[in-house]
Amino acid sequence: MRAVRSSPRLITLLDLLTELQQTGSPSEQALVAMALDRILTGRVVLCGIYSLGDHCAESCGDSEDAQDQVPIVKH
């Protein structure tokens, strides 16, 4: 039985895709589908050096559009 995580794991997109690719030889479409499944179900949260939240705040200012964006968490 697998342990259930109480909080999602932070991971970069590159690391997530690398891990998933090591599980077999899935097609590119299958690889993207598996990554999206883990992201959308909350099992992982993408993170990295670049934050979309910072970029959006800079380009959108303090508009409601900037506040509606979901940022990627920085390490």
C-alpha atoms as a PDB file:
ATOM      1  CA  MET A   1       0.000   0.000   0.000  1.00  0.00           C
ATOM      2  CA  ARG A   2       1.344   3.439  -0.960  1.00  0.00           C
ATOM      3  CA  ALA A   3       1.563   6.166   1.635  1.00  0.00           C
ATOM      4  CA  VAL A   4      -0.773   9.070   0.986  1.00  0.00           C
ATOM      5  CA  ARG A   5       0.948  12.440   0.926  1.00  0.00           C
ATOM      6  CA  SER A   6      -0.715  15.177   2.922  1.00  0.00           C
ATOM      7  CA  SER A   7       0.824  17.902   0.789  1.00  0.00           C
ATOM      8  CA  PRO A   8       1.886  17.980  -2.856  1.00  0.00           C
ATOM      9  CA  ARG A   9       5.514  17.489  -3.780  1.00  0.00           C
ATOM     10  CA  LEU A  10       7.351  20.480  -5.289  1.00  0.00           C
ATOM     11  CA  ILE A  11       9.115  19.546  -8.525  1.00  0.00           C
ATOM     12  CA  THR A  12      10.402  21.239 -11.651  1.00  0.00           C
ATOM     13  CA  LEU A  13       8.739  20.387 -14.936  1.00  0.00           C
ATOM     14  CA  LEU A  14      11.990  18.933 -16.260  1.00  0.00           C
ATOM     15  CA  ASP A  15      12.375  16.645 -13.228  1.00  0.00           C
ATOM     16  CA  LEU A  16       8.733  15.550 -13.442  1.00  0.00           C
ATOM     17  CA  LEU A  17       9.017  14.679 -17.136  1.00  0.00           C
ATOM     18  CA  THR A  18      12.324  12.878 -16.524  1.00  0.00           C
ATOM     19  CA  GLU A  19      10.788  10.780 -13.728  1.00  0.00           C
ATOM     20  CA  LEU A  20       7.779   9.899 -15.837  1.00  0.00           C
ATOM     21  CA  GLN A  21       9.922   8.999 -18.838  1.00  0.00           C
ATOM     22  CA  GLN A  22      11.913   6.558 -16.690  1.00  0.00           C
ATOM     23  CA  THR A  23       8.736   4.564 -15.983  1.00  0.00           C
ATOM     24  CA  GLY A  24       8.807   3.279 -19.550  1.00  0.00           C
ATOM     25  CA  SER A  25       8.907   4.618 -23.076  1.00  0.00           C
ATOM     26  CA  PRO A  26       5.656   6.552 -23.331  1.00  0.00           C
ATOM     27  CA  SER A  27       4.868   8.666 -26.346  1.00  0.00           C
ATOM     28  CA  GLU A  28       5.207  12.431 -26.000  1.00  0.00           C
ATOM     29  CA  GLN A  29       1.429  12.727 -25.727  1.00  0.00           C
ATOM     30  CA  ALA A  30       1.273  10.085 -22.991  1.00  0.00           C
ATOM     31  CA  LEU A  31       4.123  11.765 -21.121  1.00  0.00           C
ATOM     32  CA  VAL A  32       2.347  15.131 -21.173  1.00  0.00           C
ATOM     33  CA  ALA A  33      -0.931  13.476 -20.148  1.00  0.00           C
ATOM     34  CA  MET A  34       0.731  11.774 -17.169  1.00  0.00           C
ATOM     35  CA  ALA A  35       2.380  15.038 -16.099  1.00  0.00           C
ATOM     36  CA  LEU A  36      -0.900  16.946 -16.371  1.00  0.00           C
ATOM     37  CA  ASP A  37      -2.681  14.254 -14.367  1.00  0.00           C
ATOM     38  CA  ARG A  38      -0.219  14.645 -11.498  1.00  0.00           C
ATOM     39  CA  ILE A  39      -0.420  18.442 -11.635  1.00  0.00           C
ATOM     40  CA  LEU A  40      -4.205  18.712 -11.925  1.00  0.00           C
ATOM     41  CA  THR A  41      -4.857  16.140  -9.196  1.00  0.00           C
ATOM     42  CA  GLY A  42      -2.614  18.072  -6.824  1.00  0.00           C
ATOM     43  CA  ARG A  43      -0.012  15.350  -6.361  1.00  0.00           C
ATOM     44  CA  VAL A  44       2.753  17.709  -7.506  1.00  0.00           C
ATOM     45  CA  VAL A  45       3.219  21.464  -7.687  1.00  0.00           C
ATOM     46  CA  LEU A  46       5.503  22.811 -10.365  1.00  0.00           C
ATOM     47  CA  CYS A  47       8.281  25.023  -9.131  1.00  0.00           C
ATOM     48  CA  GLY A  48      11.418  26.537 -10.533  1.00  0.00           C
ATOM     49  CA  ILE A  49      13.625  29.573 -10.692  1.00  0.00           C
ATOM     50  CA  TYR A  50      11.191  31.557 -12.830  1.00  0.00           C
ATOM     51  CA  SER A  51       7.837  32.464 -11.342  1.00  0.00           C
ATOM     52  CA  LEU A  52       4.895  33.148 -13.634  1.00  0.00           C
ATOM     53  CA  GLY A  53       3.351  35.195 -10.841  1.00  0.00           C
ATOM     54  CA  ASP A  54       6.278  37.634 -10.844  1.00  0.00           C
ATOM     55  CA  HIS A  55       6.227  37.884 -14.635  1.00  0.00           C
ATOM     56  CA  CYS A  56       2.490  38.484 -14.733  1.00  0.00           C
ATOM     57  CA  ALA A  57       2.630  41.105 -11.987  1.00  0.00           C
ATOM     58  CA  GLU A  58       5.336  42.956 -13.931  1.00  0.00           C
ATOM     59  CA  SER A  59       3.525  42.808 -17.264  1.00  0.00           C
ATOM     60  CA  CYS A  60      -0.047  43.225 -16.000  1.00  0.00           C
ATOM     61  CA  GLY A  61       0.561  45.606 -13.126  1.00  0.00           C
ATOM     62  CA  ASP A  62      -1.912  45.286 -10.271  1.00  0.00           C
ATOM     63  CA  SER A  63      -4.833  44.420 -12.525  1.00  0.00           C
ATOM     64  CA  GLU A  64      -7.331  41.721 -11.651  1.00  0.00           C
ATOM     65  CA  ASP A  65      -5.823  39.607 -14.451  1.00  0.00           C
ATOM     66  CA  ALA A  66      -2.530  39.475 -12.555  1.00  0.00           C
ATOM     67  CA  GLN A  67      -4.293  38.412  -9.360  1.00  0.00           C
ATOM     68  CA  ASP A  68      -6.182  35.626 -11.148  1.00  0.00           C
ATOM     69  CA  GLN A  69      -2.986  33.915 -12.315  1.00  0.00           C
ATOM     70  CA  VAL A  70      -1.730  30.883 -10.394  1.00  0.00           C
ATOM     71  CA  PRO A  71       2.002  31.382  -9.810  1.00  0.00           C
ATOM     72  CA  ILE A  72       4.608  28.666  -9.973  1.00  0.00           C
ATOM     73  CA  VAL A  73       6.359  28.446  -6.605  1.00  0.00           C
ATOM     74  CA  LYS A  74      10.040  29.411  -6.504  1.00  0.00           C
ATOM     75  CA  HIS A  75      12.637  27.212  -4.798  1.00  0.00           C
END
